[in-house]
Amino acid sequence: MERELDALLDYAIFQTSSVQNRYDAIACCKGEREKLVSGPLDPLALLLTDAKVIKSNSTNGTFKLQSNDVTASPWFNKSTLSRFLHAVNSPEMLKSIGGILNEMSQLEETRKFHLSLYSKVASWIMWGWYSK
């Protein structure tokens, strides 16, 4: 499987160690397994729910990434998984993800603030305590 970058994967296994904050990604195709990459768990946990759960529980674990229908998912191959993991492990990606998550958090706080203001004004209008 080493040379077959476009070979469709049956699934990928991620073995994680939250103590060491690392993961190993293993590609599985036609009964063969090949370790693709190791990397830090933090950026992976930002993008994959299973990694986030393992990291938040501070446990070691294994989870599987698998397409629902391998024959209908030609993109789920060794090359795509390798590129995804390379992008996840790049410092620029981590910085971008952090910035996006920070902005989403700020937007959510702003939304909550405006909703609380509008609900107060609506109740004031309803009770006749507010007039323009």
Protein backbone atom coordinates (compact mmCIF):
# COMPACT_ATOMS: atom_id res chain seq x y z
CA MET A 1 0.00 0.00 0.00
CA GLU A 2 3.00 2.32 0.36
CA ARG A 3 2.97 3.38 -3.30
CA GLU A 4 -0.77 3.45 -3.83
CA LEU A 5 -1.60 7.04 -2.86
CA ASP A 6 -4.96 6.97 -4.64
CA ALA A 7 -6.02 3.61 -3.18
CA LEU A 8 -9.42 3.86 -1.52
CA LEU A 9 -9.22 3.39 2.22
CA ASP A 10 -11.48 1.03 4.10
CA TYR A 11 -10.96 3.19 7.19
CA ALA A 12 -8.33 5.09 9.16
CA ILE A 13 -7.50 4.41 12.79
CA PHE A 14 -6.32 7.11 15.14
CA GLN A 15 -4.49 5.92 18.23
CA THR A 16 -4.29 8.74 20.74
CA SER A 17 -2.41 9.46 23.92
CA SER A 18 -3.81 12.44 25.78
CA VAL A 19 -0.97 12.18 28.34
CA GLN A 20 1.62 12.74 25.59
CA ASN A 21 -0.86 14.87 23.61
CA ARG A 22 -0.10 12.87 20.43
CA TYR A 23 -1.84 10.70 17.86
CA ASP A 24 -0.79 8.12 15.29
CA ALA A 25 -2.83 7.85 12.10
CA ILE A 26 -2.98 4.42 10.45
CA ALA A 27 -4.45 3.90 6.98
CA CYS A 28 -6.26 0.59 6.41
CA CYS A 29 -6.83 -0.75 2.90
CA LYS A 30 -7.64 -4.30 1.82
CA GLY A 31 -6.45 -5.82 5.07
CA GLU A 32 -3.15 -3.92 5.09
CA ARG A 33 -2.26 -1.26 7.63
CA GLU A 34 0.24 1.54 7.22
CA LYS A 35 1.17 4.24 9.71
CA LEU A 36 0.82 7.54 7.89
CA VAL A 37 1.75 10.22 10.35
CA SER A 38 2.06 11.15 14.01
CA GLY A 39 1.22 14.55 15.32
CA PRO A 40 -0.04 16.70 18.17
CA LEU A 41 -3.55 15.92 19.40
CA ASP A 42 -4.65 19.55 19.98
CA PRO A 43 -5.23 20.59 16.34
CA LEU A 44 -6.88 17.26 15.54
CA ALA A 45 -9.24 17.70 18.50
CA LEU A 46 -10.38 21.03 17.05
CA LEU A 47 -11.62 19.28 13.90
CA LEU A 48 -12.66 15.74 14.86
CA THR A 49 -15.27 15.14 17.56
CA ASP A 50 -13.87 11.75 18.58
CA ALA A 51 -10.43 13.26 19.16
CA LYS A 52 -11.99 16.08 21.18
CA VAL A 53 -13.83 13.60 23.42
CA ILE A 54 -10.68 11.57 24.06
CA LYS A 55 -8.68 14.73 24.79
CA SER A 56 -11.32 16.14 27.15
CA ASN A 57 -11.50 12.85 29.07
CA SER A 58 -7.69 12.81 29.44
CA THR A 59 -7.55 9.21 28.33
CA ASN A 60 -5.73 7.16 25.74
CA GLY A 61 -7.98 5.84 23.05
CA THR A 62 -8.59 4.72 19.53
CA PHE A 63 -11.20 5.88 17.08
CA LYS A 64 -11.99 5.05 13.49
CA LEU A 65 -12.63 7.42 10.61
CA GLN A 66 -14.63 5.67 7.92
CA SER A 67 -16.71 6.63 4.91
CA ASN A 68 -20.32 5.41 4.94
CA ASP A 69 -19.97 4.08 1.40
CA VAL A 70 -16.37 3.56 0.30
CA THR A 71 -17.28 2.94 -3.34
CA ALA A 72 -19.19 6.24 -3.51
CA SER A 73 -16.37 8.15 -1.77
CA PRO A 74 -13.41 8.21 -4.15
CA TRP A 75 -11.95 11.11 -2.16
CA PHE A 76 -11.41 8.86 0.91
CA ASN A 77 -7.95 7.69 -0.06
CA LYS A 78 -4.46 7.68 1.41
CA SER A 79 -3.43 10.83 -0.42
CA THR A 80 -6.41 12.89 0.80
CA LEU A 81 -5.98 11.70 4.38
CA SER A 82 -2.26 12.52 4.27
CA ARG A 83 -2.93 16.02 2.91
CA PHE A 84 -5.62 16.61 5.56
CA LEU A 85 -3.30 15.55 8.38
CA HIS A 86 -0.45 17.61 6.96
CA ALA A 87 -2.71 20.67 6.90
CA VAL A 88 -3.96 19.97 10.43
CA ASN A 89 -0.40 19.73 11.74
CA SER A 90 0.79 22.97 10.12
CA PRO A 91 1.23 25.93 12.51
CA GLU A 92 -0.55 28.25 10.07
CA MET A 93 -3.64 26.05 10.12
CA LEU A 94 -3.65 25.93 13.91
CA LYS A 95 -3.40 29.73 14.03
CA SER A 96 -6.23 30.09 11.50
CA ILE A 97 -8.47 27.65 13.35
CA GLY A 98 -7.78 29.43 16.63
CA GLY A 99 -8.68 32.78 15.08
CA ILE A 100 -11.89 31.42 13.57
CA LEU A 101 -12.94 29.78 16.85
CA ASN A 102 -12.21 33.00 18.74
CA GLU A 103 -14.29 35.03 16.29
CA MET A 104 -17.16 32.54 16.48
CA SER A 105 -17.08 32.81 20.26
CA GLN A 106 -17.20 36.61 20.08
CA LEU A 107 -20.10 36.47 17.63
CA GLU A 108 -22.00 34.09 19.92
CA GLU A 109 -21.48 36.40 22.90
CA THR A 110 -22.65 39.39 20.85
CA ARG A 111 -25.73 37.45 19.75
CA LYS A 112 -26.58 36.55 23.37
CA PHE A 113 -26.13 40.18 24.43
CA HIS A 114 -28.43 41.48 21.69
CA LEU A 115 -31.05 38.84 22.41
CA SER A 116 -31.08 39.82 26.07
CA LEU A 117 -31.49 43.51 25.14
CA TYR A 118 -34.29 42.82 22.68
CA SER A 119 -36.16 40.64 25.13
CA LYS A 120 -35.97 43.40 27.77
CA VAL A 121 -37.24 46.05 25.34
CA ALA A 122 -40.01 43.72 24.18
CA SER A 123 -41.18 43.18 27.76
CA TRP A 124 -41.00 46.93 28.46
CA ILE A 125 -43.15 47.62 25.40
CA MET A 126 -45.58 44.89 26.36
CA TRP A 127 -46.04 46.38 29.85
CA GLY A 128 -46.14 49.94 28.53
CA TRP A 129 -42.92 51.02 30.27
CA TYR A 130 -41.17 52.05 27.09
CA SER A 131 -42.17 54.70 24.60
CA LYS A 132 -40.24 56.49 21.89
